[in-house]
């Protein structure tokens, strides 16, 4: 039940940046770089 509720809510918002990078680039390399950059940093930054 929690998973379904969270998923429905998730679909109403922008994806987290690392997922966006994966969709935009398809690159594991870029996912790794973005993930390293994302630590303790807001998604927009």
ModelCIF file with pLDDT and N, C-alpha, C, O atoms, coordinates in Angstrom:
data_MODEL
#
_entry.id   MODEL 
#
_entity.id                         1 
_entity.type                       polymer 
_entity.pdbx_number_of_molecules   1 
#
_entity_poly.entity_id                      1 
_entity_poly.type                           'polypeptide(L)' 
_entity_poly.nstd_linkage                   no 
_entity_poly.nstd_monomer                   no 
_entity_poly.pdbx_seq_one_letter_code       
;(UNK)(UNK)(UNK)(UNK)(UNK)(UNK)(UNK)(UNK)(UNK)(UNK)(UNK)(UNK)(UNK)(UNK)(UNK)(UNK)
(UNK)(UNK)(UNK)(UNK)(UNK)(UNK)(UNK)(UNK)(UNK)(UNK)(UNK)(UNK)(UNK)(UNK)(UNK)(UNK)
(UNK)(UNK)(UNK)(UNK)(UNK)(UNK)(UNK)(UNK)(UNK)(UNK)(UNK)(UNK)(UNK)
;
_entity_poly.pdbx_seq_one_letter_code_can   XXXXXXXXXXXXXXXXXXXXXXXXXXXXXXXXXXXXXXXXXXXXX 
_entity_poly.pdbx_strand_id                 A 
#
loop_
_entity_poly_seq.entity_id 
_entity_poly_seq.num 
_entity_poly_seq.mon_id 
_entity_poly_seq.hetero 
1 1  UNK n 
1 2  UNK n 
1 3  UNK n 
1 4  UNK n 
1 5  UNK n 
1 6  UNK n 
1 7  UNK n 
1 8  UNK n 
1 9  UNK n 
1 10 UNK n 
1 11 UNK n 
1 12 UNK n 
1 13 UNK n 
1 14 UNK n 
1 15 UNK n 
1 16 UNK n 
1 17 UNK n 
1 18 UNK n 
1 19 UNK n 
1 20 UNK n 
1 21 UNK n 
1 22 UNK n 
1 23 UNK n 
1 24 UNK n 
1 25 UNK n 
1 26 UNK n 
1 27 UNK n 
1 28 UNK n 
1 29 UNK n 
1 30 UNK n 
1 31 UNK n 
1 32 UNK n 
1 33 UNK n 
1 34 UNK n 
1 35 UNK n 
1 36 UNK n 
1 37 UNK n 
1 38 UNK n 
1 39 UNK n 
1 40 UNK n 
1 41 UNK n 
1 42 UNK n 
1 43 UNK n 
1 44 UNK n 
1 45 UNK n 
#
_struct_asym.id          A 
_struct_asym.entity_id   1 
#
loop_
_ma_qa_metric.id 
_ma_qa_metric.mode 
_ma_qa_metric.name 
_ma_qa_metric.software_group_id 
_ma_qa_metric.type 
1 global pLDDT . pLDDT 
2 local  pLDDT . pLDDT 
#
_ma_qa_metric_global.metric_id      1 
_ma_qa_metric_global.metric_value   92.98 
_ma_qa_metric_global.model_id       1 
_ma_qa_metric_global.ordinal_id     1 
#
loop_
_ma_qa_metric_local.label_asym_id 
_ma_qa_metric_local.label_comp_id 
_ma_qa_metric_local.label_seq_id 
_ma_qa_metric_local.metric_id 
_ma_qa_metric_local.metric_value 
_ma_qa_metric_local.model_id 
_ma_qa_metric_local.ordinal_id 
A UNK 1  2 93.00 1 1  
A UNK 2  2 91.00 1 2  
A UNK 3  2 92.00 1 3  
A UNK 4  2 93.00 1 4  
A UNK 5  2 92.00 1 5  
A UNK 6  2 89.00 1 6  
A UNK 7  2 91.00 1 7  
A UNK 8  2 92.00 1 8  
A UNK 9  2 88.00 1 9  
A UNK 10 2 88.00 1 10 
A UNK 11 2 88.00 1 11 
A UNK 12 2 89.00 1 12 
A UNK 13 2 83.00 1 13 
A UNK 14 2 82.00 1 14 
A UNK 15 2 81.00 1 15 
A UNK 16 2 86.00 1 16 
A UNK 17 2 92.00 1 17 
A UNK 18 2 93.00 1 18 
A UNK 19 2 92.00 1 19 
A UNK 20 2 93.00 1 20 
A UNK 21 2 96.00 1 21 
A UNK 22 2 96.00 1 22 
A UNK 23 2 94.00 1 23 
A UNK 24 2 95.00 1 24 
A UNK 25 2 96.00 1 25 
A UNK 26 2 96.00 1 26 
A UNK 27 2 98.00 1 27 
A UNK 28 2 98.00 1 28 
A UNK 29 2 98.00 1 29 
A UNK 30 2 98.00 1 30 
A UNK 31 2 98.00 1 31 
A UNK 32 2 98.00 1 32 
A UNK 33 2 98.00 1 33 
A UNK 34 2 98.00 1 34 
A UNK 35 2 97.00 1 35 
A UNK 36 2 98.00 1 36 
A UNK 37 2 98.00 1 37 
A UNK 38 2 95.00 1 38 
A UNK 39 2 92.00 1 39 
A UNK 40 2 91.00 1 40 
A UNK 41 2 94.00 1 41 
A UNK 42 2 92.00 1 42 
A UNK 43 2 91.00 1 43 
A UNK 44 2 94.00 1 44 
A UNK 45 2 97.00 1 45 
#
loop_
_atom_site.group_PDB 
_atom_site.id 
_atom_site.type_symbol 
_atom_site.label_atom_id 
_atom_site.label_alt_id 
_atom_site.label_comp_id 
_atom_site.label_asym_id 
_atom_site.label_entity_id 
_atom_site.label_seq_id 
_atom_site.pdbx_PDB_ins_code 
_atom_site.Cartn_x 
_atom_site.Cartn_y 
_atom_site.Cartn_z 
_atom_site.occupancy 
_atom_site.B_iso_or_equiv 
_atom_site.pdbx_formal_charge 
_atom_site.auth_seq_id 
_atom_site.auth_comp_id 
_atom_site.auth_asym_id 
_atom_site.auth_atom_id 
_atom_site.pdbx_PDB_model_num 
ATOM 1   N N  . UNK A 1 1  ? 0.838  -1.210 0.000   1.00 93.00 ? 1  UNK A N  1 
ATOM 2   C CA . UNK A 1 1  ? 0.000  0.000  0.000   1.00 93.00 ? 1  UNK A CA 1 
ATOM 3   C C  . UNK A 1 1  ? 0.872  1.260  0.000   1.00 93.00 ? 1  UNK A C  1 
ATOM 4   O O  . UNK A 1 1  ? 0.611  2.199  -0.753  1.00 93.00 ? 1  UNK A O  1 
ATOM 5   N N  . UNK A 1 2  ? 1.894  1.277  0.836   1.00 91.00 ? 2  UNK A N  1 
ATOM 6   C CA . UNK A 1 2  ? 2.796  2.434  0.898   1.00 91.00 ? 2  UNK A CA 1 
ATOM 7   C C  . UNK A 1 2  ? 3.476  2.640  -0.447  1.00 91.00 ? 2  UNK A C  1 
ATOM 8   O O  . UNK A 1 2  ? 3.585  3.769  -0.927  1.00 91.00 ? 2  UNK A O  1 
ATOM 9   N N  . UNK A 1 3  ? 3.932  1.551  -1.054  1.00 92.00 ? 3  UNK A N  1 
ATOM 10  C CA . UNK A 1 3  ? 4.627  1.635  -2.345  1.00 92.00 ? 3  UNK A CA 1 
ATOM 11  C C  . UNK A 1 3  ? 3.706  2.234  -3.412  1.00 92.00 ? 3  UNK A C  1 
ATOM 12  O O  . UNK A 1 3  ? 4.123  3.103  -4.177  1.00 92.00 ? 3  UNK A O  1 
ATOM 13  N N  . UNK A 1 4  ? 2.460  1.771  -3.461  1.00 93.00 ? 4  UNK A N  1 
ATOM 14  C CA . UNK A 1 4  ? 1.500  2.284  -4.452  1.00 93.00 ? 4  UNK A CA 1 
ATOM 15  C C  . UNK A 1 4  ? 1.234  3.782  -4.237  1.00 93.00 ? 4  UNK A C  1 
ATOM 16  O O  . UNK A 1 4  ? 1.198  4.554  -5.195  1.00 93.00 ? 4  UNK A O  1 
ATOM 17  N N  . UNK A 1 5  ? 1.048  4.183  -2.977  1.00 92.00 ? 5  UNK A N  1 
ATOM 18  C CA . UNK A 1 5  ? 0.794  5.598  -2.677  1.00 92.00 ? 5  UNK A CA 1 
ATOM 19  C C  . UNK A 1 5  ? 1.991  6.476  -3.047  1.00 92.00 ? 5  UNK A C  1 
ATOM 20  O O  . UNK A 1 5  ? 1.831  7.541  -3.642  1.00 92.00 ? 5  UNK A O  1 
ATOM 21  N N  . UNK A 1 6  ? 3.183  6.016  -2.687  1.00 89.00 ? 6  UNK A N  1 
ATOM 22  C CA . UNK A 1 6  ? 4.389  6.782  -3.012  1.00 89.00 ? 6  UNK A CA 1 
ATOM 23  C C  . UNK A 1 6  ? 4.599  6.875  -4.519  1.00 89.00 ? 6  UNK A C  1 
ATOM 24  O O  . UNK A 1 6  ? 4.987  7.924  -5.035  1.00 89.00 ? 6  UNK A O  1 
ATOM 25  N N  . UNK A 1 7  ? 4.344  5.782  -5.216  1.00 91.00 ? 7  UNK A N  1 
ATOM 26  C CA . UNK A 1 7  ? 4.513  5.772  -6.670  1.00 91.00 ? 7  UNK A CA 1 
ATOM 27  C C  . UNK A 1 7  ? 3.545  6.760  -7.335  1.00 91.00 ? 7  UNK A C  1 
ATOM 28  O O  . UNK A 1 7  ? 3.929  7.506  -8.235  1.00 91.00 ? 7  UNK A O  1 
ATOM 29  N N  . UNK A 1 8  ? 2.290  6.753  -6.881  1.00 92.00 ? 8  UNK A N  1 
ATOM 30  C CA . UNK A 1 8  ? 1.297  7.669  -7.452  1.00 92.00 ? 8  UNK A CA 1 
ATOM 31  C C  . UNK A 1 8  ? 1.706  9.119  -7.212  1.00 92.00 ? 8  UNK A C  1 
ATOM 32  O O  . UNK A 1 8  ? 1.579  9.959  -8.103  1.00 92.00 ? 8  UNK A O  1 
ATOM 33  N N  . UNK A 1 9  ? 2.192  9.409  -6.019  1.00 88.00 ? 9  UNK A N  1 
ATOM 34  C CA . UNK A 1 9  ? 2.645  10.765 -5.703  1.00 88.00 ? 9  UNK A CA 1 
ATOM 35  C C  . UNK A 1 9  ? 3.886  11.133 -6.527  1.00 88.00 ? 9  UNK A C  1 
ATOM 36  O O  . UNK A 1 9  ? 3.996  12.252 -7.028  1.00 88.00 ? 9  UNK A O  1 
ATOM 37  N N  . UNK A 1 10 ? 4.809  10.190 -6.659  1.00 88.00 ? 10 UNK A N  1 
ATOM 38  C CA . UNK A 1 10 ? 6.044  10.400 -7.426  1.00 88.00 ? 10 UNK A CA 1 
ATOM 39  C C  . UNK A 1 10 ? 5.727  10.814 -8.860  1.00 88.00 ? 10 UNK A C  1 
ATOM 40  O O  . UNK A 1 10 ? 6.380  11.696 -9.419  1.00 88.00 ? 10 UNK A O  1 
ATOM 41  N N  . UNK A 1 11 ? 4.740  10.186 -9.439  1.00 88.00 ? 11 UNK A N  1 
ATOM 42  C CA . UNK A 1 11 ? 4.399  10.437 -10.836 1.00 88.00 ? 11 UNK A CA 1 
ATOM 43  C C  . UNK A 1 11 ? 3.827  11.837 -11.059 1.00 88.00 ? 11 UNK A C  1 
ATOM 44  O O  . UNK A 1 11 ? 3.697  12.280 -12.200 1.00 88.00 ? 11 UNK A O  1 
ATOM 45  N N  . UNK A 1 12 ? 3.489  12.527 -9.984  1.00 89.00 ? 12 UNK A N  1 
ATOM 46  C CA . UNK A 1 12 ? 2.960  13.892 -10.079 1.00 89.00 ? 12 UNK A CA 1 
ATOM 47  C C  . UNK A 1 12 ? 4.064  14.947 -10.045 1.00 89.00 ? 12 UNK A C  1 
ATOM 48  O O  . UNK A 1 12 ? 3.779  16.132 -10.218 1.00 89.00 ? 12 UNK A O  1 
ATOM 49  N N  . UNK A 1 13 ? 5.324  14.542 -9.823  1.00 83.00 ? 13 UNK A N  1 
ATOM 50  C CA . UNK A 1 13 ? 6.424  15.491 -9.649  1.00 83.00 ? 13 UNK A CA 1 
ATOM 51  C C  . UNK A 1 13 ? 7.562  15.183 -10.622 1.00 83.00 ? 13 UNK A C  1 
ATOM 52  O O  . UNK A 1 13 ? 7.562  14.153 -11.295 1.00 83.00 ? 13 UNK A O  1 
ATOM 53  N N  . UNK A 1 14 ? 8.521  16.091 -10.681 1.00 82.00 ? 14 UNK A N  1 
ATOM 54  C CA . UNK A 1 14 ? 9.715  15.862 -11.492 1.00 82.00 ? 14 UNK A CA 1 
ATOM 55  C C  . UNK A 1 14 ? 10.536 14.736 -10.883 1.00 82.00 ? 14 UNK A C  1 
ATOM 56  O O  . UNK A 1 14 ? 10.586 14.576 -9.664  1.00 82.00 ? 14 UNK A O  1 
ATOM 57  N N  . UNK A 1 15 ? 11.170 13.968 -11.736 1.00 81.00 ? 15 UNK A N  1 
ATOM 58  C CA . UNK A 1 15 ? 12.043 12.886 -11.278 1.00 81.00 ? 15 UNK A CA 1 
ATOM 59  C C  . UNK A 1 15 ? 13.284 13.470 -10.612 1.00 81.00 ? 15 UNK A C  1 
ATOM 60  O O  . UNK A 1 15 ? 13.733 14.556 -10.978 1.00 81.00 ? 15 UNK A O  1 
ATOM 61  N N  . UNK A 1 16 ? 13.836 12.757 -9.640  1.00 86.00 ? 16 UNK A N  1 
ATOM 62  C CA . UNK A 1 16 ? 15.122 13.194 -9.070  1.00 86.00 ? 16 UNK A CA 1 
ATOM 63  C C  . UNK A 1 16 ? 16.174 13.305 -10.180 1.00 86.00 ? 16 UNK A C  1 
ATOM 64  O O  . UNK A 1 16 ? 16.086 12.624 -11.202 1.00 86.00 ? 16 UNK A O  1 
ATOM 65  N N  . UNK A 1 17 ? 17.152 14.160 -9.966  1.00 92.00 ? 17 UNK A N  1 
ATOM 66  C CA . UNK A 1 17 ? 18.122 14.505 -11.005 1.00 92.00 ? 17 UNK A CA 1 
ATOM 67  C C  . UNK A 1 17 ? 18.847 13.302 -11.595 1.00 92.00 ? 17 UNK A C  1 
ATOM 68  O O  . UNK A 1 17 ? 19.060 13.255 -12.806 1.00 92.00 ? 17 UNK A O  1 
ATOM 69  N N  . UNK A 1 18 ? 19.227 12.343 -10.786 1.00 93.00 ? 18 UNK A N  1 
ATOM 70  C CA . UNK A 1 18 ? 19.994 11.219 -11.319 1.00 93.00 ? 18 UNK A CA 1 
ATOM 71  C C  . UNK A 1 18 ? 19.154 10.415 -12.305 1.00 93.00 ? 18 UNK A C  1 
ATOM 72  O O  . UNK A 1 18 ? 19.670 9.947  -13.320 1.00 93.00 ? 18 UNK A O  1 
ATOM 73  N N  . UNK A 1 19 ? 17.888 10.254 -12.020 1.00 92.00 ? 19 UNK A N  1 
ATOM 74  C CA . UNK A 1 19 ? 17.004 9.563  -12.967 1.00 92.00 ? 19 UNK A CA 1 
ATOM 75  C C  . UNK A 1 19 ? 16.824 10.384 -14.241 1.00 92.00 ? 19 UNK A C  1 
ATOM 76  O O  . UNK A 1 19 ? 16.768 9.832  -15.340 1.00 92.00 ? 19 UNK A O  1 
ATOM 77  N N  . UNK A 1 20 ? 16.735 11.683 -14.089 1.00 93.00 ? 20 UNK A N  1 
ATOM 78  C CA . UNK A 1 20 ? 16.623 12.564 -15.247 1.00 93.00 ? 20 UNK A CA 1 
ATOM 79  C C  . UNK A 1 20 ? 17.855 12.428 -16.137 1.00 93.00 ? 20 UNK A C  1 
ATOM 80  O O  . UNK A 1 20 ? 17.737 12.366 -17.360 1.00 93.00 ? 20 UNK A O  1 
ATOM 81  N N  . UNK A 1 21 ? 19.034 12.384 -15.523 1.00 96.00 ? 21 UNK A N  1 
ATOM 82  C CA . UNK A 1 21 ? 20.281 12.210 -16.282 1.00 96.00 ? 21 UNK A CA 1 
ATOM 83  C C  . UNK A 1 21 ? 20.248 10.893 -17.045 1.00 96.00 ? 21 UNK A C  1 
ATOM 84  O O  . UNK A 1 21 ? 20.646 10.845 -18.209 1.00 96.00 ? 21 UNK A O  1 
ATOM 85  N N  . UNK A 1 22 ? 19.783 9.831  -16.411 1.00 96.00 ? 22 UNK A N  1 
ATOM 86  C CA . UNK A 1 22 ? 19.718 8.523  -17.077 1.00 96.00 ? 22 UNK A CA 1 
ATOM 87  C C  . UNK A 1 22 ? 18.788 8.583  -18.286 1.00 96.00 ? 22 UNK A C  1 
ATOM 88  O O  . UNK A 1 22 ? 19.131 8.096  -19.363 1.00 96.00 ? 22 UNK A O  1 
ATOM 89  N N  . UNK A 1 23 ? 17.618 9.176  -18.106 1.00 94.00 ? 23 UNK A N  1 
ATOM 90  C CA . UNK A 1 23 ? 16.646 9.272  -19.207 1.00 94.00 ? 23 UNK A CA 1 
ATOM 91  C C  . UNK A 1 23 ? 17.196 10.150 -20.332 1.00 94.00 ? 23 UNK A C  1 
ATOM 92  O O  . UNK A 1 23 ? 17.062 9.806  -21.506 1.00 94.00 ? 23 UNK A O  1 
ATOM 93  N N  . UNK A 1 24 ? 17.809 11.275 -19.982 1.00 95.00 ? 24 UNK A N  1 
ATOM 94  C CA . UNK A 1 24 ? 18.315 12.216 -20.980 1.00 95.00 ? 24 UNK A CA 1 
ATOM 95  C C  . UNK A 1 24 ? 19.530 11.698 -21.733 1.00 95.00 ? 24 UNK A C  1 
ATOM 96  O O  . UNK A 1 24 ? 19.673 11.940 -22.931 1.00 95.00 ? 24 UNK A O  1 
ATOM 97  N N  . UNK A 1 25 ? 20.416 10.978 -21.024 1.00 96.00 ? 25 UNK A N  1 
ATOM 98  C CA . UNK A 1 25 ? 21.692 10.611 -21.637 1.00 96.00 ? 25 UNK A CA 1 
ATOM 99  C C  . UNK A 1 25 ? 21.862 9.125  -21.902 1.00 96.00 ? 25 UNK A C  1 
ATOM 100 O O  . UNK A 1 25 ? 22.595 8.741  -22.813 1.00 96.00 ? 25 UNK A O  1 
ATOM 101 N N  . UNK A 1 26 ? 21.196 8.282  -21.119 1.00 96.00 ? 26 UNK A N  1 
ATOM 102 C CA . UNK A 1 26 ? 21.379 6.835  -21.244 1.00 96.00 ? 26 UNK A CA 1 
ATOM 103 C C  . UNK A 1 26 ? 22.776 6.377  -20.858 1.00 96.00 ? 26 UNK A C  1 
ATOM 104 O O  . UNK A 1 26 ? 23.161 5.248  -21.164 1.00 96.00 ? 26 UNK A O  1 
ATOM 105 N N  . UNK A 1 27 ? 23.536 7.230  -20.195 1.00 98.00 ? 27 UNK A N  1 
ATOM 106 C CA . UNK A 1 27 ? 24.943 6.969  -19.912 1.00 98.00 ? 27 UNK A CA 1 
ATOM 107 C C  . UNK A 1 27 ? 25.170 6.628  -18.436 1.00 98.00 ? 27 UNK A C  1 
ATOM 108 O O  . UNK A 1 27 ? 24.876 7.433  -17.553 1.00 98.00 ? 27 UNK A O  1 
ATOM 109 N N  . UNK A 1 28 ? 25.690 5.440  -18.183 1.00 98.00 ? 28 UNK A N  1 
ATOM 110 C CA . UNK A 1 28 ? 26.045 5.055  -16.814 1.00 98.00 ? 28 UNK A CA 1 
ATOM 111 C C  . UNK A 1 28 ? 27.161 5.974  -16.300 1.00 98.00 ? 28 UNK A C  1 
ATOM 112 O O  . UNK A 1 28 ? 27.169 6.341  -15.125 1.00 98.00 ? 28 UNK A O  1 
ATOM 113 N N  . UNK A 1 29 ? 28.091 6.341  -17.166 1.00 98.00 ? 29 UNK A N  1 
ATOM 114 C CA . UNK A 1 29 ? 29.171 7.250  -16.799 1.00 98.00 ? 29 UNK A CA 1 
ATOM 115 C C  . UNK A 1 29 ? 28.598 8.568  -16.262 1.00 98.00 ? 29 UNK A C  1 
ATOM 116 O O  . UNK A 1 29 ? 29.025 9.049  -15.213 1.00 98.00 ? 29 UNK A O  1 
ATOM 117 N N  . UNK A 1 30 ? 27.643 9.141  -16.973 1.00 98.00 ? 30 UNK A N  1 
ATOM 118 C CA . UNK A 1 30 ? 27.057 10.405 -16.544 1.00 98.00 ? 30 UNK A CA 1 
ATOM 119 C C  . UNK A 1 30 ? 26.192 10.230 -15.299 1.00 98.00 ? 30 UNK A C  1 
ATOM 120 O O  . UNK A 1 30 ? 26.120 11.134 -14.467 1.00 98.00 ? 30 UNK A O  1 
ATOM 121 N N  . UNK A 1 31 ? 25.545 9.094  -15.163 1.00 98.00 ? 31 UNK A N  1 
ATOM 122 C CA . UNK A 1 31 ? 24.803 8.806  -13.929 1.00 98.00 ? 31 UNK A CA 1 
ATOM 123 C C  . UNK A 1 31 ? 25.761 8.791  -12.743 1.00 98.00 ? 31 UNK A C  1 
ATOM 124 O O  . UNK A 1 31 ? 25.454 9.347  -11.688 1.00 98.00 ? 31 UNK A O  1 
ATOM 125 N N  . UNK A 1 32 ? 26.928 8.155  -12.913 1.00 98.00 ? 32 UNK A N  1 
ATOM 126 C CA . UNK A 1 32 ? 27.923 8.118  -11.846 1.00 98.00 ? 32 UNK A CA 1 
ATOM 127 C C  . UNK A 1 32 ? 28.380 9.538  -11.493 1.00 98.00 ? 32 UNK A C  1 
ATOM 128 O O  . UNK A 1 32 ? 28.431 9.890  -10.314 1.00 98.00 ? 32 UNK A O  1 
ATOM 129 N N  . UNK A 1 33 ? 28.705 10.341 -12.479 1.00 98.00 ? 33 UNK A N  1 
ATOM 130 C CA . UNK A 1 33 ? 29.154 11.708 -12.207 1.00 98.00 ? 33 UNK A CA 1 
ATOM 131 C C  . UNK A 1 33 ? 28.064 12.520 -11.513 1.00 98.00 ? 33 UNK A C  1 
ATOM 132 O O  . UNK A 1 33 ? 28.334 13.204 -10.526 1.00 98.00 ? 33 UNK A O  1 
ATOM 133 N N  . UNK A 1 34 ? 26.848 12.448 -12.016 1.00 98.00 ? 34 UNK A N  1 
ATOM 134 C CA . UNK A 1 34 ? 25.748 13.212 -11.418 1.00 98.00 ? 34 UNK A CA 1 
ATOM 135 C C  . UNK A 1 34 ? 25.483 12.762 -9.984  1.00 98.00 ? 34 UNK A C  1 
ATOM 136 O O  . UNK A 1 34 ? 25.173 13.581 -9.118  1.00 98.00 ? 34 UNK A O  1 
ATOM 137 N N  . UNK A 1 35 ? 25.606 11.461 -9.739  1.00 97.00 ? 35 UNK A N  1 
ATOM 138 C CA . UNK A 1 35 ? 25.366 10.951 -8.398  1.00 97.00 ? 35 UNK A CA 1 
ATOM 139 C C  . UNK A 1 35 ? 26.435 11.449 -7.428  1.00 97.00 ? 35 UNK A C  1 
ATOM 140 O O  . UNK A 1 35 ? 26.125 11.813 -6.294  1.00 97.00 ? 35 UNK A O  1 
ATOM 141 N N  . UNK A 1 36 ? 27.680 11.466 -7.867  1.00 98.00 ? 36 UNK A N  1 
ATOM 142 C CA . UNK A 1 36 ? 28.756 12.008 -7.029  1.00 98.00 ? 36 UNK A CA 1 
ATOM 143 C C  . UNK A 1 36 ? 28.487 13.483 -6.734  1.00 98.00 ? 36 UNK A C  1 
ATOM 144 O O  . UNK A 1 36 ? 28.648 13.929 -5.598  1.00 98.00 ? 36 UNK A O  1 
ATOM 145 N N  . UNK A 1 37 ? 28.079 14.233 -7.747  1.00 98.00 ? 37 UNK A N  1 
ATOM 146 C CA . UNK A 1 37 ? 27.793 15.657 -7.552  1.00 98.00 ? 37 UNK A CA 1 
ATOM 147 C C  . UNK A 1 37 ? 26.601 15.890 -6.633  1.00 98.00 ? 37 UNK A C  1 
ATOM 148 O O  . UNK A 1 37 ? 26.550 16.900 -5.931  1.00 98.00 ? 37 UNK A O  1 
ATOM 149 N N  . UNK A 1 38 ? 25.654 14.981 -6.630  1.00 95.00 ? 38 UNK A N  1 
ATOM 150 C CA . UNK A 1 38 ? 24.388 15.199 -5.920  1.00 95.00 ? 38 UNK A CA 1 
ATOM 151 C C  . UNK A 1 38 ? 24.488 15.101 -4.401  1.00 95.00 ? 38 UNK A C  1 
ATOM 152 O O  . UNK A 1 38 ? 23.599 15.583 -3.700  1.00 95.00 ? 38 UNK A O  1 
ATOM 153 N N  . UNK A 1 39 ? 25.536 14.496 -3.884  1.00 92.00 ? 39 UNK A N  1 
ATOM 154 C CA . UNK A 1 39 ? 25.645 14.325 -2.430  1.00 92.00 ? 39 UNK A CA 1 
ATOM 155 C C  . UNK A 1 39 ? 25.610 15.681 -1.729  1.00 92.00 ? 39 UNK A C  1 
ATOM 156 O O  . UNK A 1 39 ? 26.400 16.574 -2.033  1.00 92.00 ? 39 UNK A O  1 
ATOM 157 N N  . UNK A 1 40 ? 24.691 15.813 -0.798  1.00 91.00 ? 40 UNK A N  1 
ATOM 158 C CA . UNK A 1 40 ? 24.535 17.037 0.002   1.00 91.00 ? 40 UNK A CA 1 
ATOM 159 C C  . UNK A 1 40 ? 24.331 18.286 -0.848  1.00 91.00 ? 40 UNK A C  1 
ATOM 160 O O  . UNK A 1 40 ? 24.805 19.371 -0.513  1.00 91.00 ? 40 UNK A O  1 
ATOM 161 N N  . UNK A 1 41 ? 23.616 18.107 -1.950  1.00 94.00 ? 41 UNK A N  1 
ATOM 162 C CA . UNK A 1 41 ? 23.350 19.217 -2.856  1.00 94.00 ? 41 UNK A CA 1 
ATOM 163 C C  . UNK A 1 41 ? 21.921 19.098 -3.370  1.00 94.00 ? 41 UNK A C  1 
ATOM 164 O O  . UNK A 1 41 ? 21.465 18.001 -3.689  1.00 94.00 ? 41 UNK A O  1 
ATOM 165 N N  . UNK A 1 42 ? 21.227 20.201 -3.450  1.00 92.00 ? 42 UNK A N  1 
ATOM 166 C CA . UNK A 1 42 ? 19.851 20.183 -3.964  1.00 92.00 ? 42 UNK A CA 1 
ATOM 167 C C  . UNK A 1 42 ? 19.849 19.809 -5.444  1.00 92.00 ? 42 UNK A C  1 
ATOM 168 O O  . UNK A 1 42 ? 20.796 20.102 -6.175  1.00 92.00 ? 42 UNK A O  1 
ATOM 169 N N  . UNK A 1 43 ? 18.770 19.158 -5.869  1.00 91.00 ? 43 UNK A N  1 
ATOM 170 C CA . UNK A 1 43 ? 18.671 18.681 -7.246  1.00 91.00 ? 43 UNK A CA 1 
ATOM 171 C C  . UNK A 1 43 ? 18.840 19.797 -8.279  1.00 91.00 ? 43 UNK A C  1 
ATOM 172 O O  . UNK A 1 43 ? 19.493 19.593 -9.302  1.00 91.00 ? 43 UNK A O  1 
ATOM 173 N N  . UNK A 1 44 ? 18.272 20.948 -8.030  1.00 94.00 ? 44 UNK A N  1 
ATOM 174 C CA . UNK A 1 44 ? 18.363 22.042 -9.006  1.00 94.00 ? 44 UNK A CA 1 
ATOM 175 C C  . UNK A 1 44 ? 19.823 22.449 -9.214  1.00 94.00 ? 44 UNK A C  1 
ATOM 176 O O  . UNK A 1 44 ? 20.252 22.676 -10.346 1.00 94.00 ? 44 UNK A O  1 
ATOM 177 N N  . UNK A 1 45 ? 20.576 22.541 -8.136  1.00 97.00 ? 45 UNK A N  1 
ATOM 178 C CA . UNK A 1 45 ? 21.998 22.897 -8.218  1.00 97.00 ? 45 UNK A CA 1 
ATOM 179 C C  . UNK A 1 45 ? 22.780 21.788 -8.905  1.00 97.00 ? 45 UNK A C  1 
ATOM 180 O O  . UNK A 1 45 ? 23.995 21.900 -9.069  1.00 97.00 ? 45 UNK A O  1 
#
